[in-house]
Protein backbone atom coordinates (compact mmCIF):
# COMPACT_ATOMS: atom_id res chain seq x y z
CA MET A 1 0.00 0.00 0.00
CA VAL A 2 1.36 3.42 -1.00
CA LYS A 3 1.70 5.66 2.05
CA HIS A 4 2.59 8.95 0.41
CA LYS A 5 1.27 10.70 -2.69
CA ASN A 6 1.67 14.16 -4.15
CA LYS A 7 -1.22 16.47 -5.06
CA TYR A 8 -1.54 14.68 -8.41
CA GLY A 9 -2.06 11.32 -6.72
CA GLN A 10 1.36 10.02 -7.75
CA PRO A 11 3.23 7.81 -5.25
CA ILE A 12 6.25 9.50 -3.73
CA GLY A 13 8.87 8.69 -1.12
CA SER A 14 8.35 9.35 2.56
CA PRO A 15 9.18 12.90 3.68
CA VAL A 16 12.52 13.61 5.34
CA ARG A 17 11.79 16.46 7.70
CA GLY A 18 14.44 18.69 9.21
CA TRP A 19 17.25 17.09 7.22
CA GLN A 20 20.66 18.68 7.61
CA ALA A 21 23.69 17.60 5.64
CA CYS A 22 26.19 15.39 7.43
CA THR A 23 29.89 16.13 7.72
CA PHE A 24 32.90 14.21 6.43
CA PRO A 25 34.29 11.59 8.80
CA PRO A 26 36.91 13.04 11.12
CA ARG A 27 40.46 11.74 11.29
CA SER A 28 40.27 10.86 14.96
CA ALA A 29 40.80 7.27 16.11
CA MET A 30 37.96 4.91 17.08
CA SER A 31 38.70 2.68 20.08
CA GLY A 32 37.02 -0.41 21.48
CA ILE A 33 37.77 -3.44 23.66
CA TRP A 34 39.64 -5.47 21.06
CA CYS A 35 41.08 -2.89 18.70
CA ARG A 36 41.70 0.68 17.63
CA VAL A 37 40.86 1.98 14.16
CA GLU A 38 42.99 4.94 13.11
CA ILE A 39 43.95 6.84 9.99
CA LEU A 40 46.43 4.91 7.88
CA VAL A 41 49.87 6.56 7.85
CA PRO A 42 52.14 4.79 5.33
CA GLU A 43 55.43 5.53 7.06
CA LYS A 44 53.97 4.33 10.36
CA HIS A 45 51.88 1.32 9.33
CA ALA A 46 53.24 -0.03 6.03
CA GLU A 47 55.84 -2.39 7.52
CA GLU A 48 53.46 -4.00 10.01
CA LEU A 49 50.72 -4.36 7.42
CA TYR A 50 53.03 -5.85 4.84
CA ALA A 51 54.39 -8.34 7.37
CA ALA A 52 50.82 -9.35 8.25
CA TYR A 53 49.85 -9.80 4.60
CA VAL A 54 52.97 -11.85 3.83
CA LYS A 55 51.49 -14.51 6.09
CA GLN A 56 48.87 -15.14 3.40
CA ARG A 57 49.30 -18.24 1.28
CA HIS A 58 49.40 -17.76 -2.48
CA ASP A 59 48.25 -14.14 -2.13
CA GLN A 60 44.63 -15.26 -2.46
CA ASP A 61 43.30 -12.34 -0.45
CA TRP A 62 44.37 -9.91 -3.17
CA THR A 63 42.24 -11.62 -5.83
CA TYR A 64 39.21 -9.35 -5.55
CA LEU A 65 41.12 -6.11 -4.92
CA PRO A 66 41.94 -3.90 -7.93
CA TYR A 67 45.58 -3.69 -6.81
CA GLY A 68 48.30 -5.94 -5.44
CA PRO A 69 49.88 -8.21 -4.50
CA PHE A 70 53.13 -6.33 -3.99
CA GLU A 71 56.47 -8.06 -4.38
CA HIS A 72 58.37 -5.86 -1.93
CA LEU A 73 57.67 -3.67 1.08
CA ASP A 74 58.93 -0.60 -0.78
CA ASP A 75 56.38 -1.22 -3.54
CA TYR A 76 53.57 -1.51 -1.01
CA GLN A 77 54.59 1.60 0.93
CA SER A 78 54.93 3.59 -2.28
CA TRP A 79 51.44 2.55 -3.34
CA LEU A 80 50.01 3.48 0.07
CA THR A 81 51.64 6.91 -0.13
CA LYS A 82 50.33 7.60 -3.62
CA THR A 83 46.85 6.16 -3.16
CA CYS A 84 45.77 5.99 0.46
CA THR A 85 46.38 9.41 2.01
CA GLY A 86 43.43 11.39 0.63
CA ASP A 87 40.01 12.21 2.04
CA ASP A 88 37.90 9.95 -0.17
CA PRO A 89 38.64 7.09 0.11
CA LEU A 90 39.60 7.78 3.72
CA PHE A 91 41.83 4.84 4.60
CA HIS A 92 42.08 3.45 8.12
CA THR A 93 44.23 0.75 9.61
CA ILE A 94 43.05 -1.67 12.29
CA ILE A 95 45.33 -1.98 15.32
CA GLU A 96 44.97 -5.08 17.46
CA ALA A 97 44.79 -3.99 21.12
CA GLU A 98 46.74 -6.96 22.50
CA THR A 99 49.77 -6.53 20.26
CA ASN A 100 49.38 -2.86 19.24
CA LYS A 101 50.15 -3.98 15.67
CA ALA A 102 48.47 -2.99 12.41
CA VAL A 103 46.70 -6.08 11.04
CA GLY A 104 44.27 -4.82 8.40
CA VAL A 105 42.81 -1.97 6.38
CA ALA A 106 39.36 -0.54 5.66
CA SER A 107 38.15 2.79 4.34
CA PHE A 108 35.21 5.13 4.06
CA LEU A 109 34.57 6.02 0.44
CA ARG A 110 32.03 7.54 -1.96
CA ILE A 111 31.23 9.88 0.89
CA GLN A 112 28.08 11.92 0.20
CA PRO A 113 27.34 14.14 3.21
CA GLY A 114 24.58 16.05 1.40
CA ILE A 115 22.33 13.01 1.22
CA GLY A 116 23.80 11.03 4.12
CA VAL A 117 25.22 8.09 2.18
CA ILE A 118 28.65 6.54 2.75
CA GLU A 119 30.35 3.26 1.84
CA VAL A 120 32.84 0.99 3.56
CA GLY A 121 35.38 -0.58 1.22
CA HIS A 122 38.99 -1.47 0.44
CA ILE A 123 38.57 -4.01 3.22
CA HIS A 124 41.71 -6.11 3.48
CA PHE A 125 42.03 -8.22 6.60
CA SER A 126 45.28 -10.10 7.12
CA PRO A 127 45.27 -13.70 8.44
CA LEU A 128 46.00 -12.22 11.89
CA LEU A 129 42.64 -10.42 11.72
CA GLN A 130 40.32 -12.74 9.80
CA LYS A 131 37.53 -14.40 11.79
CA THR A 132 38.49 -12.70 15.06
CA PRO A 133 36.59 -10.43 17.46
CA VAL A 134 39.01 -7.70 16.39
CA ALA A 135 37.67 -7.80 12.83
CA THR A 136 34.05 -7.64 13.96
CA GLU A 137 34.69 -4.81 16.39
CA ALA A 138 36.51 -2.80 13.73
CA MET A 139 33.42 -2.94 11.53
CA PHE A 140 31.23 -2.04 14.50
CA LEU A 141 33.37 0.97 15.35
CA MET A 142 33.14 2.26 11.78
CA MET A 143 29.36 1.76 11.75
CA SER A 144 29.07 3.58 15.06
CA ARG A 145 30.91 6.54 13.62
CA VAL A 146 28.63 6.58 10.59
CA PHE A 147 25.29 6.31 12.39
CA ASP A 148 25.82 7.54 15.97
CA GLU A 149 28.46 10.20 15.51
CA LEU A 150 27.79 11.51 12.00
CA CYS A 151 24.10 10.61 11.56
CA TYR A 152 24.32 9.24 8.02
CA ARG A 153 21.16 7.67 6.61
CA ARG A 154 22.72 4.82 4.64
CA TYR A 155 25.86 2.67 4.81
CA GLU A 156 26.91 0.60 1.79
CA TRP A 157 29.08 -2.44 1.14
CA LYS A 158 29.93 -3.46 -2.42
CA CYS A 159 32.05 -6.32 -3.69
CA ASP A 160 32.72 -8.51 -6.69
CA ALA A 161 29.63 -10.70 -7.01
CA LEU A 162 31.96 -13.73 -7.18
CA ASN A 163 33.64 -12.87 -3.88
CA ALA A 164 31.78 -15.34 -1.67
CA PRO A 165 33.71 -14.57 1.56
CA SER A 166 32.97 -10.84 1.24
CA ARG A 167 29.28 -11.45 0.60
CA LYS A 168 29.10 -13.78 3.60
CA ALA A 169 30.89 -11.24 5.80
CA ALA A 170 28.52 -8.44 4.77
CA GLU A 171 25.44 -10.47 5.62
CA ARG A 172 26.94 -11.73 8.88
CA ILE A 173 27.40 -8.23 10.25
CA GLY A 174 23.93 -7.09 9.20
CA PHE A 175 24.08 -5.71 5.66
CA GLY A 176 21.07 -6.58 3.53
CA PHE A 177 21.64 -7.86 -0.01
CA GLU A 178 20.15 -5.45 -2.54
CA GLY A 179 21.10 -6.89 -5.92
CA VAL A 180 23.82 -7.28 -8.54
CA PHE A 181 24.89 -4.59 -11.00
CA ARG A 182 26.07 -6.50 -14.07
CA GLN A 183 29.32 -5.39 -15.72
CA ALA A 184 29.54 -2.54 -13.23
CA THR A 185 33.28 -2.13 -13.76
CA LEU A 186 36.42 -3.95 -14.80
CA TYR A 187 39.72 -4.51 -13.03
CA LYS A 188 42.84 -6.57 -13.54
CA ASN A 189 41.68 -7.02 -17.16
CA ARG A 190 38.50 -8.82 -16.19
CA ASN A 191 34.83 -8.03 -15.75
CA ARG A 192 33.26 -7.32 -12.39
CA ASP A 193 29.60 -7.74 -11.60
CA THR A 194 29.09 -5.85 -8.34
CA ALA A 195 26.95 -7.12 -5.46
CA TRP A 196 25.36 -4.33 -3.41
CA PHE A 197 24.56 -4.50 0.30
CA GLY A 198 23.18 -1.79 2.56
CA ILE A 199 22.24 -0.77 6.09
CA ILE A 200 19.96 2.20 6.76
CA ASP A 201 19.56 4.20 9.93
CA LYS A 202 16.36 2.35 10.88
CA ASP A 203 18.33 -0.91 10.96
CA TRP A 204 21.01 0.43 13.26
CA PRO A 205 19.45 0.19 16.78
CA ILE A 206 19.08 -3.61 16.67
CA LEU A 207 22.41 -4.07 14.90
CA LYS A 208 24.13 -1.93 17.52
CA LYS A 209 22.68 -3.95 20.40
CA SER A 210 23.68 -7.22 18.75
CA PHE A 211 27.28 -6.04 18.29
CA GLN A 212 27.51 -4.80 21.88
CA THR A 213 26.24 -8.14 23.20
CA TRP A 214 28.43 -10.27 20.93
CA LEU A 215 31.60 -8.31 21.71
CA LYS A 216 31.35 -8.74 25.47
CA PRO A 217 34.25 -10.86 26.80
CA ASP A 218 31.79 -13.24 28.49
CA ASN A 219 30.48 -14.26 25.05
CA PHE A 220 33.76 -16.11 24.47
CA ASP A 221 35.09 -19.23 26.14
CA THR A 222 38.65 -19.70 27.37
CA GLN A 223 39.70 -20.75 23.86
CA GLY A 224 38.29 -17.54 22.37
CA ARG A 225 35.34 -19.30 20.73
CA GLN A 226 32.02 -17.48 20.59
CA LYS A 227 29.16 -18.81 22.69
CA LYS A 228 26.44 -17.16 20.63
CA SER A 229 26.79 -16.01 17.04
CA LEU A 230 26.09 -12.48 15.94
CA GLN A 231 23.16 -13.72 13.86
CA GLN A 232 21.64 -15.64 16.81
CA ILE A 233 21.86 -12.56 19.01
CA ARG A 234 20.34 -10.37 16.30
CA GLU A 235 17.46 -12.76 15.72
CA ASN A 236 16.67 -12.84 19.45
CA LEU A 237 16.41 -9.06 19.50
CA HIS A 238 13.73 -8.91 16.80
């Protein structure tokens, strides 16, 4: 049933009253229990990141990125300096609290403050970060900045439609699948169909509670294994 119509009887979107444009994300750090997410500084973080990525076997985690792998540290640091120091994309590095080491990268990009839309991308988690509470908390901290601090209306995640791990990760942390844009771009001399996922501000309250519950230390046993999954917690909150 159409809720809103104009004076001609045509269906229209719901009104957005009192809207004020958002601001660009600040460059301040975001801190949690398991990690800190801070602006990527090539001369500070490149060596630790490169060392973490070298632990990958066969460089498989670079497959769906439009750059890399890099043969040498100098090549990687040079690329970071040339590509990752601007405002959009705004690159961050994820610092594990226990070791105080950089173990992964993520960025805000396609930042549209006027309409309150922002994307998370360039996500590259090293083996030291993958499938850990640190990785989940990093995503939570970035979402909290977007919705609680900056009051954006929409948060997007996009990936190669063939990138099954990325699609699974997006849905695990609460992004809804919205469709596939065929031949959306090309990279590394091959086609990319792009899968779109999104979270809107109305989704955030339940997602936030589920993250806060999942991230509590008492949700993990002595071996660091979760007692309840993020999805189970989220379903119980509905």
